[in-house]
C-alpha cells in the first residue's frame, strides 16, 4: 500500500471511529489535518526523502526520560504523523500539546529534545518544561522560543534546547514537556511527531484548546527526551 493510500485509509478509519478530516494543509509538507479522538493530528501522505542524523549525546549525560528509538538511527520517531501545535488563527483553532514524564530520581535537566516540525504559517514554536498542577501542566520552569523548524515529515532532526545552569527535578514527581505558540505565531501549524519506540503502553498527554487542558492517554505517545545529570 502506498503512503498516500495509507493516509486515506487512516482518514476513513477516523471517520468510522468518530473523528474527521478537518482541513488540508497547503504548506510544503502536504499535511492532512485530522480530528483525532482526543486532539487534532497531522498525517503526511509522502515523507520527505532527506535524512539528518540526530546529534550525539555529551559523554556522561544521563537520560532522565526518552521514548526516542535510539537503536534506529534512521527512525528515532515516526516521520509522518503527530499531534498539531497551532496558533489561534491557524484556521483549525488553537491547540497546544504537553507530554508528562516522571523522573525515577532527583536530576538536573540540561537538555530537551523533541521530534517536531513545521507545516504552514509562521515557522516557529515554543518549548517549555513545566511543573504539574493537579494533573495538568502548570507553571513553566523554563521556556525556549525556536524558529526555522524542519519541515514536518522529514527524519530525524530533533528540536534541541538546553540550560547551562540546569533545572532541578524531584524524583517521583510528574513534569511536562510542552509545545505551544506565542503571539507572533498565531497562524502557525506545527506537528509533534509520534514515538515509534512503544506502540503498546499508554502515554499521558494533554491538549490545550478552548482555554482549558484536556488530559488523555494515548499509544503511541509523542517523541521527546529529557537529559541531564544526577
N, C-alpha and C. Protein backbone atom coordinates (compact mmCIF):
# COMPACT_ATOMS: atom_id res chain seq x y z
N UNK A 1 0.85 -1.19 0.00
CA UNK A 1 0.00 0.00 0.00
C UNK A 1 0.88 1.24 0.00
N UNK A 2 0.59 2.23 -0.85
CA UNK A 2 1.40 3.44 -0.92
C UNK A 2 1.17 4.29 0.32
N UNK A 3 2.10 5.25 0.56
CA UNK A 3 1.94 6.14 1.70
C UNK A 3 0.67 6.96 1.59
N UNK A 4 0.33 7.34 0.33
CA UNK A 4 -0.88 8.14 0.15
C UNK A 4 -2.12 7.32 0.51
N UNK A 5 -2.16 6.07 0.03
CA UNK A 5 -3.31 5.22 0.34
C UNK A 5 -3.40 4.92 1.83
N UNK A 6 -2.23 4.80 2.49
CA UNK A 6 -2.24 4.59 3.93
C UNK A 6 -2.88 5.77 4.63
N UNK A 7 -2.56 7.00 4.17
CA UNK A 7 -3.14 8.20 4.79
C UNK A 7 -4.64 8.24 4.57
N UNK A 8 -5.09 7.87 3.36
CA UNK A 8 -6.52 7.85 3.09
C UNK A 8 -7.22 6.81 3.95
N UNK A 9 -6.57 5.63 4.09
CA UNK A 9 -7.15 4.58 4.93
C UNK A 9 -7.29 5.06 6.38
N UNK A 10 -6.27 5.80 6.87
CA UNK A 10 -6.33 6.33 8.22
C UNK A 10 -7.46 7.33 8.36
N UNK A 11 -7.64 8.17 7.33
CA UNK A 11 -8.71 9.15 7.36
C UNK A 11 -10.07 8.46 7.43
N UNK A 12 -10.25 7.39 6.64
CA UNK A 12 -11.51 6.65 6.68
C UNK A 12 -11.73 6.00 8.03
N UNK A 13 -10.64 5.48 8.62
CA UNK A 13 -10.75 4.86 9.95
C UNK A 13 -11.19 5.88 10.99
N UNK A 14 -10.65 7.10 10.87
CA UNK A 14 -11.03 8.15 11.81
C UNK A 14 -12.50 8.52 11.64
N UNK A 15 -12.96 8.55 10.39
CA UNK A 15 -14.36 8.86 10.15
C UNK A 15 -15.27 7.81 10.77
N UNK A 16 -14.89 6.55 10.64
CA UNK A 16 -15.69 5.47 11.19
C UNK A 16 -15.71 5.53 12.71
N UNK A 17 -14.56 5.92 13.30
CA UNK A 17 -14.45 5.91 14.77
C UNK A 17 -14.92 7.21 15.41
N UNK A 18 -15.42 8.14 14.60
CA UNK A 18 -15.94 9.37 15.18
C UNK A 18 -15.06 10.57 14.93
N UNK A 19 -13.87 10.38 14.37
CA UNK A 19 -13.02 11.50 14.01
C UNK A 19 -13.40 12.00 12.64
N UNK A 20 -12.68 13.02 12.15
CA UNK A 20 -12.98 13.55 10.82
C UNK A 20 -11.80 14.31 10.29
N UNK A 21 -11.71 14.38 8.98
CA UNK A 21 -10.70 15.23 8.35
C UNK A 21 -11.17 16.66 8.48
N UNK A 22 -10.39 17.52 9.13
CA UNK A 22 -10.85 18.87 9.41
C UNK A 22 -10.35 19.89 8.40
N UNK A 23 -9.17 19.65 7.83
CA UNK A 23 -8.61 20.62 6.90
C UNK A 23 -7.45 19.99 6.18
N UNK A 24 -7.10 20.55 5.03
CA UNK A 24 -5.94 20.08 4.29
C UNK A 24 -4.93 21.20 4.22
N UNK A 25 -3.72 20.93 4.66
CA UNK A 25 -2.68 21.94 4.67
C UNK A 25 -2.23 22.27 3.26
N UNK A 26 -1.99 23.55 3.00
CA UNK A 26 -1.42 23.96 1.72
C UNK A 26 0.07 24.22 1.87
N UNK A 27 0.62 23.87 3.03
CA UNK A 27 2.04 24.09 3.30
C UNK A 27 2.90 23.08 2.57
N UNK A 28 4.22 23.24 2.65
CA UNK A 28 5.13 22.39 1.89
C UNK A 28 5.12 20.94 2.31
N UNK A 29 4.66 20.64 3.53
CA UNK A 29 4.69 19.26 3.98
C UNK A 29 3.45 18.47 3.54
N UNK A 30 2.47 19.15 2.88
CA UNK A 30 1.29 18.49 2.34
C UNK A 30 0.57 17.69 3.41
N UNK A 31 0.50 18.24 4.59
CA UNK A 31 -0.11 17.53 5.70
C UNK A 31 -1.62 17.51 5.63
N UNK A 32 -2.22 16.41 6.06
CA UNK A 32 -3.66 16.29 6.18
C UNK A 32 -4.00 16.46 7.65
N UNK A 33 -4.78 17.49 7.98
CA UNK A 33 -5.17 17.72 9.36
C UNK A 33 -6.41 16.91 9.67
N UNK A 34 -6.40 16.23 10.79
CA UNK A 34 -7.50 15.35 11.15
C UNK A 34 -7.94 15.59 12.57
N UNK A 35 -9.23 15.37 12.83
CA UNK A 35 -9.74 15.40 14.19
C UNK A 35 -9.60 14.02 14.78
N UNK A 36 -8.60 13.82 15.63
CA UNK A 36 -8.43 12.55 16.31
C UNK A 36 -9.42 12.42 17.45
N UNK A 37 -9.32 11.32 18.18
CA UNK A 37 -10.25 11.08 19.28
C UNK A 37 -10.12 12.13 20.37
N UNK A 38 -8.88 12.57 20.65
CA UNK A 38 -8.64 13.49 21.76
C UNK A 38 -8.12 14.85 21.32
N UNK A 39 -7.47 14.92 20.16
CA UNK A 39 -6.85 16.17 19.72
C UNK A 39 -6.62 16.10 18.22
N UNK A 40 -6.44 17.26 17.61
CA UNK A 40 -6.20 17.33 16.17
C UNK A 40 -4.81 16.77 15.84
N UNK A 41 -4.73 16.04 14.74
CA UNK A 41 -3.49 15.40 14.34
C UNK A 41 -3.16 15.73 12.89
N UNK A 42 -1.93 15.45 12.51
CA UNK A 42 -1.47 15.69 11.15
C UNK A 42 -0.84 14.42 10.60
N UNK A 43 -1.13 14.10 9.35
CA UNK A 43 -0.56 12.94 8.67
C UNK A 43 0.03 13.40 7.35
N UNK A 44 1.22 12.90 7.04
CA UNK A 44 1.90 13.23 5.79
C UNK A 44 1.75 12.06 4.83
N UNK A 45 1.11 12.25 3.67
CA UNK A 45 0.95 11.14 2.72
C UNK A 45 2.27 10.61 2.18
N UNK A 46 3.24 11.52 1.96
CA UNK A 46 4.52 11.11 1.39
C UNK A 46 5.65 11.76 2.18
N UNK A 47 6.46 10.97 2.88
CA UNK A 47 7.55 11.56 3.67
C UNK A 47 8.62 12.16 2.77
N UNK A 48 9.31 13.18 3.28
CA UNK A 48 10.46 13.74 2.58
C UNK A 48 11.59 12.72 2.58
N UNK A 49 12.39 12.72 1.54
CA UNK A 49 13.45 11.72 1.40
C UNK A 49 14.76 12.13 2.07
N UNK A 50 14.86 13.38 2.48
CA UNK A 50 16.09 13.83 3.11
C UNK A 50 16.25 13.18 4.48
N UNK A 51 17.50 13.05 4.94
CA UNK A 51 17.76 12.43 6.23
C UNK A 51 18.82 13.23 6.95
N UNK A 52 18.56 13.56 8.22
CA UNK A 52 19.51 14.24 9.07
C UNK A 52 19.66 13.44 10.35
N UNK A 53 20.86 12.97 10.67
CA UNK A 53 21.03 12.19 11.90
C UNK A 53 20.87 13.05 13.14
N UNK A 54 20.43 12.43 14.22
CA UNK A 54 20.33 13.13 15.49
C UNK A 54 21.71 13.46 16.02
N UNK A 55 21.83 14.57 16.76
CA UNK A 55 23.13 14.89 17.37
C UNK A 55 23.50 13.87 18.44
N UNK A 56 24.79 13.64 18.61
CA UNK A 56 25.27 12.68 19.61
C UNK A 56 25.15 13.27 21.02
N UNK A 57 25.01 12.39 21.99
CA UNK A 57 24.95 12.82 23.38
C UNK A 57 26.32 13.26 23.89
N UNK A 58 26.31 14.15 24.86
CA UNK A 58 27.53 14.54 25.54
C UNK A 58 27.96 13.40 26.45
N UNK A 59 29.23 13.02 26.47
CA UNK A 59 29.69 11.93 27.35
C UNK A 59 29.31 12.20 28.81
N UNK A 60 28.79 11.19 29.46
CA UNK A 60 28.41 11.32 30.85
C UNK A 60 27.02 11.85 31.09
N UNK A 61 26.33 12.22 30.02
CA UNK A 61 24.98 12.75 30.17
C UNK A 61 24.01 11.64 30.57
N UNK A 62 23.09 11.96 31.47
CA UNK A 62 22.11 10.99 31.97
C UNK A 62 20.79 11.17 31.23
N UNK A 63 20.19 10.06 30.82
CA UNK A 63 18.86 10.11 30.22
C UNK A 63 17.82 10.03 31.33
N UNK A 64 17.11 11.13 31.53
CA UNK A 64 16.08 11.20 32.56
C UNK A 64 14.78 10.57 32.06
N UNK A 65 14.48 10.85 30.80
CA UNK A 65 13.34 10.22 30.12
C UNK A 65 13.61 10.26 28.62
N UNK A 66 13.23 9.20 27.93
CA UNK A 66 13.31 9.21 26.46
C UNK A 66 12.42 8.12 25.88
N UNK A 67 11.67 8.48 24.85
CA UNK A 67 10.96 7.49 24.05
C UNK A 67 11.38 7.58 22.58
N UNK A 68 12.57 8.18 22.36
CA UNK A 68 13.16 8.16 21.03
C UNK A 68 13.75 6.78 20.79
N UNK A 69 13.54 6.26 19.61
CA UNK A 69 14.02 4.91 19.29
C UNK A 69 15.50 4.98 18.92
N UNK A 70 16.34 5.11 19.93
CA UNK A 70 17.76 5.41 19.73
C UNK A 70 18.52 4.30 19.01
N UNK A 71 17.99 3.08 19.02
CA UNK A 71 18.69 1.99 18.33
C UNK A 71 18.53 2.07 16.82
N UNK A 72 17.60 2.91 16.38
CA UNK A 72 17.32 3.01 14.95
C UNK A 72 17.69 4.41 14.47
N UNK A 73 18.89 4.56 13.97
CA UNK A 73 19.41 5.87 13.63
C UNK A 73 18.65 6.56 12.50
N UNK A 74 17.89 5.77 11.72
CA UNK A 74 17.08 6.36 10.65
C UNK A 74 15.59 6.22 10.97
N UNK A 75 15.28 6.26 12.24
CA UNK A 75 13.89 6.16 12.64
C UNK A 75 13.67 6.40 14.11
N UNK A 76 14.28 7.46 14.66
CA UNK A 76 14.14 7.75 16.09
C UNK A 76 12.71 8.07 16.49
N UNK A 77 11.92 8.51 15.52
CA UNK A 77 10.50 8.76 15.74
C UNK A 77 9.79 8.51 14.42
N UNK A 78 8.45 8.48 14.46
CA UNK A 78 7.68 8.25 13.25
C UNK A 78 7.59 9.56 12.48
N UNK A 79 8.08 9.53 11.23
CA UNK A 79 8.21 10.76 10.44
C UNK A 79 6.88 11.44 10.14
N UNK A 80 5.80 10.63 10.01
CA UNK A 80 4.70 11.08 9.16
C UNK A 80 3.35 11.24 9.83
N UNK A 81 3.30 11.19 11.16
CA UNK A 81 2.06 11.52 11.86
C UNK A 81 2.39 12.07 13.23
N UNK A 82 1.51 12.92 13.73
CA UNK A 82 1.74 13.52 15.03
C UNK A 82 0.59 14.41 15.43
N UNK A 83 0.75 15.08 16.54
CA UNK A 83 -0.27 15.99 17.06
C UNK A 83 0.05 17.42 16.65
N UNK A 84 -1.01 18.16 16.29
CA UNK A 84 -0.82 19.53 15.84
C UNK A 84 -0.53 20.48 16.99
N UNK A 85 0.37 21.41 16.72
CA UNK A 85 0.61 22.57 17.58
C UNK A 85 0.19 23.77 16.73
N UNK A 86 -0.85 24.50 17.15
CA UNK A 86 -1.44 25.51 16.27
C UNK A 86 -1.77 26.79 17.03
N UNK A 87 -1.56 27.91 16.34
CA UNK A 87 -1.96 29.20 16.87
C UNK A 87 -3.45 29.43 16.65
N UNK A 88 -3.96 30.46 17.28
CA UNK A 88 -5.41 30.69 17.27
C UNK A 88 -5.95 31.07 15.89
N UNK A 89 -5.09 31.57 15.01
CA UNK A 89 -5.52 31.97 13.66
C UNK A 89 -5.06 30.98 12.60
N UNK A 90 -4.84 29.75 13.00
CA UNK A 90 -4.32 28.74 12.07
C UNK A 90 -5.37 28.26 11.07
N UNK A 91 -6.62 28.50 11.35
CA UNK A 91 -7.70 28.01 10.50
C UNK A 91 -8.34 26.77 11.05
N UNK A 92 -7.69 26.10 11.99
CA UNK A 92 -8.25 24.90 12.61
C UNK A 92 -8.37 25.05 14.12
N UNK A 93 -8.15 26.28 14.62
CA UNK A 93 -8.28 26.53 16.05
C UNK A 93 -6.97 26.33 16.80
N UNK A 94 -6.85 26.99 17.94
CA UNK A 94 -5.65 26.88 18.76
C UNK A 94 -5.55 25.52 19.42
N UNK A 95 -4.36 24.96 19.40
CA UNK A 95 -4.11 23.71 20.12
C UNK A 95 -2.65 23.63 20.51
N UNK A 96 -2.40 23.38 21.79
CA UNK A 96 -1.06 23.10 22.29
C UNK A 96 -1.07 21.69 22.84
N UNK A 97 0.10 21.08 22.91
CA UNK A 97 0.21 19.71 23.39
C UNK A 97 1.31 19.63 24.45
N UNK A 98 1.07 18.83 25.49
CA UNK A 98 2.07 18.59 26.53
C UNK A 98 2.15 17.09 26.79
N UNK A 99 3.33 16.63 27.16
CA UNK A 99 3.56 15.21 27.45
C UNK A 99 4.15 15.08 28.85
N UNK A 100 3.59 14.18 29.64
CA UNK A 100 4.03 14.01 31.02
C UNK A 100 5.17 12.99 31.12
N UNK A 101 6.02 13.19 32.12
CA UNK A 101 7.04 12.20 32.46
C UNK A 101 7.34 12.33 33.94
N UNK A 102 7.86 11.23 34.53
CA UNK A 102 8.17 11.20 35.96
C UNK A 102 9.60 10.72 36.14
N UNK A 103 10.51 11.56 36.61
CA UNK A 103 11.89 11.12 36.87
C UNK A 103 11.91 10.04 37.95
N UNK A 104 12.78 9.06 37.80
CA UNK A 104 12.85 8.00 38.81
C UNK A 104 13.72 8.39 40.01
N UNK A 105 14.41 9.54 39.90
CA UNK A 105 15.25 10.03 41.00
C UNK A 105 15.46 11.53 40.79
N UNK A 106 16.06 12.19 41.75
CA UNK A 106 16.37 13.62 41.59
C UNK A 106 17.39 13.79 40.47
N UNK A 107 17.14 14.74 39.58
CA UNK A 107 18.04 15.00 38.47
C UNK A 107 18.07 16.50 38.18
N UNK A 108 19.03 16.90 37.37
CA UNK A 108 19.11 18.26 36.87
C UNK A 108 19.04 18.22 35.35
N UNK A 109 18.04 18.87 34.78
CA UNK A 109 17.85 18.86 33.33
C UNK A 109 18.79 19.87 32.68
N UNK A 110 19.51 19.42 31.66
CA UNK A 110 20.36 20.33 30.88
C UNK A 110 19.98 20.36 29.40
N UNK A 111 19.19 19.37 28.95
CA UNK A 111 18.83 19.32 27.53
C UNK A 111 17.50 18.63 27.33
N UNK A 112 16.71 19.17 26.40
CA UNK A 112 15.45 18.54 25.98
C UNK A 112 15.48 18.42 24.46
N UNK A 113 15.08 17.25 23.96
CA UNK A 113 15.00 17.01 22.52
C UNK A 113 13.57 16.63 22.18
N UNK A 114 13.07 17.19 21.08
CA UNK A 114 11.69 16.95 20.66
C UNK A 114 11.66 16.66 19.17
N UNK A 115 10.93 15.63 18.79
CA UNK A 115 10.70 15.37 17.37
C UNK A 115 9.49 16.17 16.91
N UNK A 116 9.73 17.26 16.19
CA UNK A 116 8.64 18.13 15.76
C UNK A 116 9.07 18.88 14.50
N UNK A 117 8.09 19.34 13.73
CA UNK A 117 8.39 20.07 12.51
C UNK A 117 7.29 21.04 12.15
N UNK A 118 7.59 21.87 11.17
CA UNK A 118 6.68 22.94 10.73
C UNK A 118 5.89 22.50 9.51
N UNK A 119 4.61 22.92 9.45
CA UNK A 119 3.77 22.60 8.31
C UNK A 119 3.38 23.83 7.52
N UNK A 120 2.84 24.86 8.20
CA UNK A 120 2.43 26.07 7.47
C UNK A 120 2.34 27.26 8.42
N UNK A 121 2.16 28.43 7.83
CA UNK A 121 2.10 29.66 8.62
C UNK A 121 3.49 30.08 9.05
N UNK A 122 3.57 30.83 10.13
CA UNK A 122 4.85 31.28 10.67
C UNK A 122 5.64 30.09 11.18
N UNK A 123 6.91 30.03 10.79
CA UNK A 123 7.76 28.90 11.19
C UNK A 123 8.35 29.18 12.56
N UNK A 124 7.73 28.64 13.58
CA UNK A 124 8.22 28.83 14.94
C UNK A 124 7.47 27.96 15.92
N UNK A 125 8.02 27.85 17.12
CA UNK A 125 7.38 27.04 18.16
C UNK A 125 7.96 27.45 19.51
N UNK A 126 7.22 27.16 20.57
CA UNK A 126 7.68 27.41 21.94
C UNK A 126 7.78 26.06 22.65
N UNK A 127 8.94 25.80 23.23
CA UNK A 127 9.15 24.60 24.03
C UNK A 127 9.29 25.03 25.48
N UNK A 128 8.63 24.32 26.37
CA UNK A 128 8.77 24.65 27.79
C UNK A 128 8.80 23.37 28.62
N UNK A 129 9.45 23.48 29.77
CA UNK A 129 9.45 22.43 30.78
C UNK A 129 8.59 22.95 31.93
N UNK A 130 7.52 22.22 32.24
CA UNK A 130 6.52 22.73 33.17
C UNK A 130 6.35 21.85 34.40
N UNK A 131 6.01 22.49 35.50
CA UNK A 131 5.58 21.77 36.68
C UNK A 131 4.22 21.13 36.42
N UNK A 132 3.82 20.24 37.32
CA UNK A 132 2.48 19.68 37.30
C UNK A 132 1.59 20.46 38.25
N UNK A 133 0.36 20.68 37.83
CA UNK A 133 -0.61 21.38 38.66
C UNK A 133 -1.89 20.55 38.74
N UNK A 134 -1.93 19.64 39.72
CA UNK A 134 -3.09 18.78 39.93
C UNK A 134 -3.43 17.98 38.67
N UNK A 135 -2.39 17.45 38.02
CA UNK A 135 -2.61 16.56 36.90
C UNK A 135 -2.60 17.20 35.53
N UNK A 136 -2.45 18.52 35.47
CA UNK A 136 -2.34 19.22 34.19
C UNK A 136 -1.07 20.07 34.21
N UNK A 137 -0.59 20.52 33.04
CA UNK A 137 0.61 21.36 33.02
C UNK A 137 0.42 22.63 33.83
N UNK A 138 1.42 22.92 34.66
CA UNK A 138 1.39 24.12 35.48
C UNK A 138 2.40 25.15 34.99
N UNK A 139 2.97 25.90 35.92
CA UNK A 139 3.90 26.97 35.56
C UNK A 139 5.15 26.42 34.90
N UNK A 140 5.68 27.19 33.95
CA UNK A 140 6.89 26.80 33.24
C UNK A 140 8.12 27.02 34.10
N UNK A 141 8.97 26.00 34.16
CA UNK A 141 10.26 26.14 34.83
C UNK A 141 11.25 26.86 33.92
N UNK A 142 11.12 26.65 32.62
CA UNK A 142 11.93 27.35 31.63
C UNK A 142 11.23 27.26 30.28
N UNK A 143 11.40 28.32 29.47
CA UNK A 143 10.76 28.41 28.16
C UNK A 143 11.79 28.79 27.12
N UNK A 144 11.67 28.17 25.94
CA UNK A 144 12.55 28.46 24.81
C UNK A 144 11.70 28.77 23.58
N UNK A 145 12.09 29.79 22.81
CA UNK A 145 11.42 30.14 21.56
C UNK A 145 12.32 29.74 20.39
N UNK A 146 11.79 28.94 19.47
CA UNK A 146 12.58 28.45 18.35
C UNK A 146 11.93 28.87 17.03
N UNK A 147 12.78 29.02 16.00
CA UNK A 147 12.31 29.28 14.64
C UNK A 147 13.09 28.39 13.69
N UNK A 148 12.77 28.47 12.40
CA UNK A 148 13.46 27.69 11.36
C UNK A 148 13.39 26.19 11.64
N UNK A 149 12.19 25.72 11.98
CA UNK A 149 11.99 24.30 12.20
C UNK A 149 12.11 23.54 10.88
N UNK A 150 12.50 22.26 10.93
CA UNK A 150 12.47 21.43 9.72
C UNK A 150 11.03 21.20 9.28
N UNK A 151 10.85 20.87 8.02
CA UNK A 151 9.51 20.58 7.52
C UNK A 151 9.00 19.28 8.14
N UNK A 152 7.78 19.29 8.61
CA UNK A 152 7.19 18.08 9.19
C UNK A 152 7.13 16.99 8.12
N UNK A 153 7.60 15.81 8.48
CA UNK A 153 7.65 14.71 7.53
C UNK A 153 9.06 14.31 7.15
N UNK A 154 10.04 15.01 7.71
CA UNK A 154 11.44 14.65 7.48
C UNK A 154 11.97 13.89 8.70
N UNK A 155 13.06 13.19 8.50
CA UNK A 155 13.68 12.39 9.57
C UNK A 155 15.19 12.62 9.57
N UNK A 156 15.87 12.63 10.68
CA UNK A 156 15.30 12.56 12.01
C UNK A 156 15.85 13.70 12.86
N UNK A 157 15.72 14.91 12.33
CA UNK A 157 16.13 16.07 13.10
C UNK A 157 15.30 16.20 14.37
N UNK A 158 15.92 16.60 15.47
CA UNK A 158 15.17 16.91 16.68
C UNK A 158 15.38 18.39 17.01
N UNK A 159 14.35 18.99 17.57
CA UNK A 159 14.49 20.33 18.13
C UNK A 159 15.18 20.15 19.48
N UNK A 160 16.25 20.89 19.69
CA UNK A 160 17.05 20.69 20.90
C UNK A 160 17.23 22.01 21.62
N UNK A 161 16.92 22.02 22.90
CA UNK A 161 17.11 23.20 23.74
C UNK A 161 17.91 22.79 24.97
N UNK A 162 18.56 23.75 25.57
CA UNK A 162 19.44 23.43 26.70
C UNK A 162 19.40 24.52 27.76
N UNK A 163 19.89 24.14 28.93
CA UNK A 163 20.02 25.07 30.05
C UNK A 163 21.42 24.94 30.62
N UNK A 164 22.16 26.02 30.64
CA UNK A 164 23.53 25.99 31.16
C UNK A 164 23.57 25.72 32.65
N UNK A 165 22.68 26.38 33.37
CA UNK A 165 22.68 26.23 34.83
C UNK A 165 21.98 24.95 35.27
N UNK A 166 21.10 24.42 34.44
CA UNK A 166 20.37 23.21 34.79
C UNK A 166 19.09 23.51 35.55
N UNK A 167 18.13 22.62 35.41
CA UNK A 167 16.82 22.77 36.04
C UNK A 167 16.59 21.57 36.94
N UNK A 168 16.56 21.74 38.25
CA UNK A 168 16.41 20.60 39.16
C UNK A 168 15.00 20.02 39.13
N UNK A 169 14.95 18.69 39.10
CA UNK A 169 13.69 17.96 39.16
C UNK A 169 13.72 17.00 40.36
N UNK A 170 12.55 16.75 40.93
CA UNK A 170 12.44 15.83 42.07
C UNK A 170 11.95 14.48 41.59
N UNK A 171 12.63 13.42 42.02
CA UNK A 171 12.24 12.08 41.65
C UNK A 171 10.83 11.74 42.13
N UNK A 172 10.06 11.04 41.29
CA UNK A 172 8.71 10.65 41.65
C UNK A 172 7.66 11.70 41.42
N UNK A 173 8.07 12.91 41.02
CA UNK A 173 7.12 13.98 40.73
C UNK A 173 6.87 14.06 39.23
N UNK A 174 5.64 14.36 38.85
CA UNK A 174 5.30 14.47 37.43
C UNK A 174 5.65 15.85 36.90
N UNK A 175 6.22 15.88 35.69
CA UNK A 175 6.52 17.11 34.98
C UNK A 175 6.00 16.98 33.56
N UNK A 176 6.02 18.10 32.83
CA UNK A 176 5.51 18.12 31.47
C UNK A 176 6.49 18.81 30.53
N UNK A 177 6.69 18.25 29.35
CA UNK A 177 7.31 18.97 28.24
C UNK A 177 6.16 19.45 27.36
N UNK A 178 6.17 20.71 27.06
CA UNK A 178 5.02 21.34 26.38
C UNK A 178 5.47 22.05 25.12
N UNK A 179 4.69 21.91 24.05
CA UNK A 179 4.89 22.65 22.80
C UNK A 179 3.69 23.57 22.60
N UNK A 180 3.97 24.84 22.33
CA UNK A 180 2.91 25.83 22.18
C UNK A 180 3.34 26.87 21.16
N UNK A 181 2.54 27.90 21.01
CA UNK A 181 2.85 29.02 20.12
C UNK A 181 2.81 30.32 20.92
N UNK A 182 3.43 31.36 20.37
CA UNK A 182 3.39 32.67 21.02
C UNK A 182 2.60 33.66 20.18
N UNK A 183 2.60 34.93 20.57
CA UNK A 183 1.77 35.94 19.91
C UNK A 183 2.20 36.25 18.49
N UNK A 184 3.42 35.88 18.12
CA UNK A 184 3.87 36.09 16.73
C UNK A 184 3.66 34.85 15.88
N UNK A 185 3.06 33.81 16.47
CA UNK A 185 2.85 32.55 15.76
C UNK A 185 1.37 32.15 15.75
N UNK A 186 0.50 33.15 15.61
CA UNK A 186 -0.94 32.86 15.67
C UNK A 186 -1.43 32.05 14.47
N UNK A 187 -0.70 32.10 13.33
CA UNK A 187 -1.12 31.34 12.15
C UNK A 187 -0.32 30.06 11.97
N UNK A 188 0.47 29.70 12.94
CA UNK A 188 1.37 28.55 12.84
C UNK A 188 0.62 27.22 12.89
N UNK A 189 1.06 26.27 12.05
CA UNK A 189 0.66 24.87 12.17
C UNK A 189 1.93 24.04 12.20
N UNK A 190 2.25 23.47 13.35
CA UNK A 190 3.38 22.56 13.52
C UNK A 190 2.86 21.17 13.84
N UNK A 191 3.74 20.20 13.86
CA UNK A 191 3.37 18.85 14.25
C UNK A 191 4.39 18.26 15.20
N UNK A 192 3.92 17.61 16.26
CA UNK A 192 4.79 16.90 17.21
C UNK A 192 4.73 15.43 16.85
N UNK A 193 5.83 14.89 16.34
CA UNK A 193 5.88 13.52 15.84
C UNK A 193 5.53 12.50 16.91
N UNK A 194 4.86 11.44 16.50
CA UNK A 194 4.58 10.34 17.40
C UNK A 194 5.82 9.47 17.58
N UNK A 195 5.94 8.90 18.75
CA UNK A 195 7.04 7.98 19.04
C UNK A 195 6.80 6.66 18.32
N UNK A 196 7.89 6.03 17.86
CA UNK A 196 7.75 4.68 17.30
C UNK A 196 8.49 3.66 18.16
N UNK A 197 8.80 4.03 19.41
CA UNK A 197 9.52 3.14 20.30
C UNK A 197 8.60 2.24 21.11
N UNK A 198 7.32 2.63 21.25
CA UNK A 198 6.39 1.86 22.08
C UNK A 198 4.99 2.05 21.52
N UNK A 199 4.44 0.99 20.96
CA UNK A 199 3.10 1.03 20.37
C UNK A 199 2.04 0.48 21.33
N UNK A 200 2.42 0.12 22.54
CA UNK A 200 1.51 -0.60 23.44
C UNK A 200 1.17 0.22 24.69
N UNK A 201 2.20 0.65 25.42
CA UNK A 201 1.97 1.33 26.70
C UNK A 201 1.39 2.73 26.47
N UNK A 202 0.43 3.08 27.29
CA UNK A 202 -0.25 4.37 27.17
C UNK A 202 0.63 5.49 27.74
N UNK A 203 0.73 6.59 26.99
CA UNK A 203 1.42 7.78 27.46
C UNK A 203 0.38 8.80 27.93
N UNK A 204 0.76 9.61 28.90
CA UNK A 204 -0.12 10.67 29.39
C UNK A 204 0.17 11.96 28.62
N UNK A 205 -0.83 12.42 27.89
CA UNK A 205 -0.72 13.64 27.10
C UNK A 205 -1.80 14.61 27.52
N UNK A 206 -1.64 15.86 27.12
CA UNK A 206 -2.66 16.87 27.39
C UNK A 206 -2.73 17.82 26.21
N UNK A 207 -3.93 18.18 25.80
CA UNK A 207 -4.11 19.17 24.74
C UNK A 207 -4.79 20.40 25.32
N UNK A 208 -4.33 21.57 24.88
CA UNK A 208 -4.91 22.83 25.34
C UNK A 208 -5.71 23.44 24.20
N UNK A 209 -7.00 23.56 24.39
CA UNK A 209 -7.89 24.22 23.43
C UNK A 209 -9.09 24.74 24.20
N UNK A 210 -9.76 25.73 23.62
CA UNK A 210 -10.93 26.32 24.28
C UNK A 210 -10.61 26.77 25.70
N UNK A 211 -9.37 27.26 25.88
CA UNK A 211 -8.92 27.84 27.16
C UNK A 211 -8.88 26.85 28.31
N UNK A 212 -8.69 25.58 28.01
CA UNK A 212 -8.56 24.61 29.09
C UNK A 212 -7.75 23.40 28.62
N UNK A 213 -7.18 22.69 29.61
CA UNK A 213 -6.41 21.49 29.33
C UNK A 213 -7.32 20.27 29.33
N UNK A 214 -7.04 19.34 28.42
CA UNK A 214 -7.74 18.07 28.33
C UNK A 214 -6.69 16.97 28.40
N UNK A 215 -6.65 16.22 29.49
CA UNK A 215 -5.66 15.16 29.68
C UNK A 215 -6.22 13.85 29.12
N UNK A 216 -5.38 13.09 28.42
CA UNK A 216 -5.83 11.82 27.87
C UNK A 216 -4.65 10.85 27.77
N UNK A 217 -4.98 9.60 27.58
CA UNK A 217 -3.99 8.55 27.40
C UNK A 217 -3.95 8.14 25.94
N UNK A 218 -2.75 7.90 25.42
CA UNK A 218 -2.63 7.54 24.00
C UNK A 218 -1.41 6.66 23.79
N UNK A 219 -1.53 5.77 22.83
CA UNK A 219 -0.39 4.96 22.38
C UNK A 219 -0.41 4.96 20.86
N UNK A 220 0.66 5.40 20.22
CA UNK A 220 1.92 5.85 20.83
C UNK A 220 1.81 7.27 21.37
N UNK A 221 2.82 7.62 22.17
CA UNK A 221 2.90 8.99 22.66
C UNK A 221 3.64 9.87 21.67
N UNK A 222 4.06 11.04 22.12
CA UNK A 222 4.83 11.95 21.27
C UNK A 222 6.32 11.79 21.58
N UNK A 223 7.15 12.08 20.60
CA UNK A 223 8.58 11.77 20.69
C UNK A 223 9.37 12.88 21.36
N UNK A 224 10.05 12.54 22.47
CA UNK A 224 10.90 13.52 23.13
C UNK A 224 11.85 12.82 24.10
N UNK A 225 12.85 13.55 24.51
CA UNK A 225 13.77 13.07 25.54
C UNK A 225 14.14 14.22 26.47
N UNK A 226 14.44 13.87 27.71
CA UNK A 226 14.89 14.82 28.71
C UNK A 226 16.20 14.28 29.27
N UNK A 227 17.25 15.09 29.20
CA UNK A 227 18.57 14.61 29.62
C UNK A 227 19.24 15.61 30.54
N UNK A 228 20.22 15.11 31.29
CA UNK A 228 20.90 15.99 32.25
C UNK A 228 21.90 15.25 33.08
N UNK A 229 21.89 15.52 34.38
CA UNK A 229 22.86 14.93 35.28
C UNK A 229 22.17 14.48 36.55
N UNK A 230 22.90 13.69 37.36
CA UNK A 230 22.35 13.23 38.63
C UNK A 230 22.33 14.36 39.66
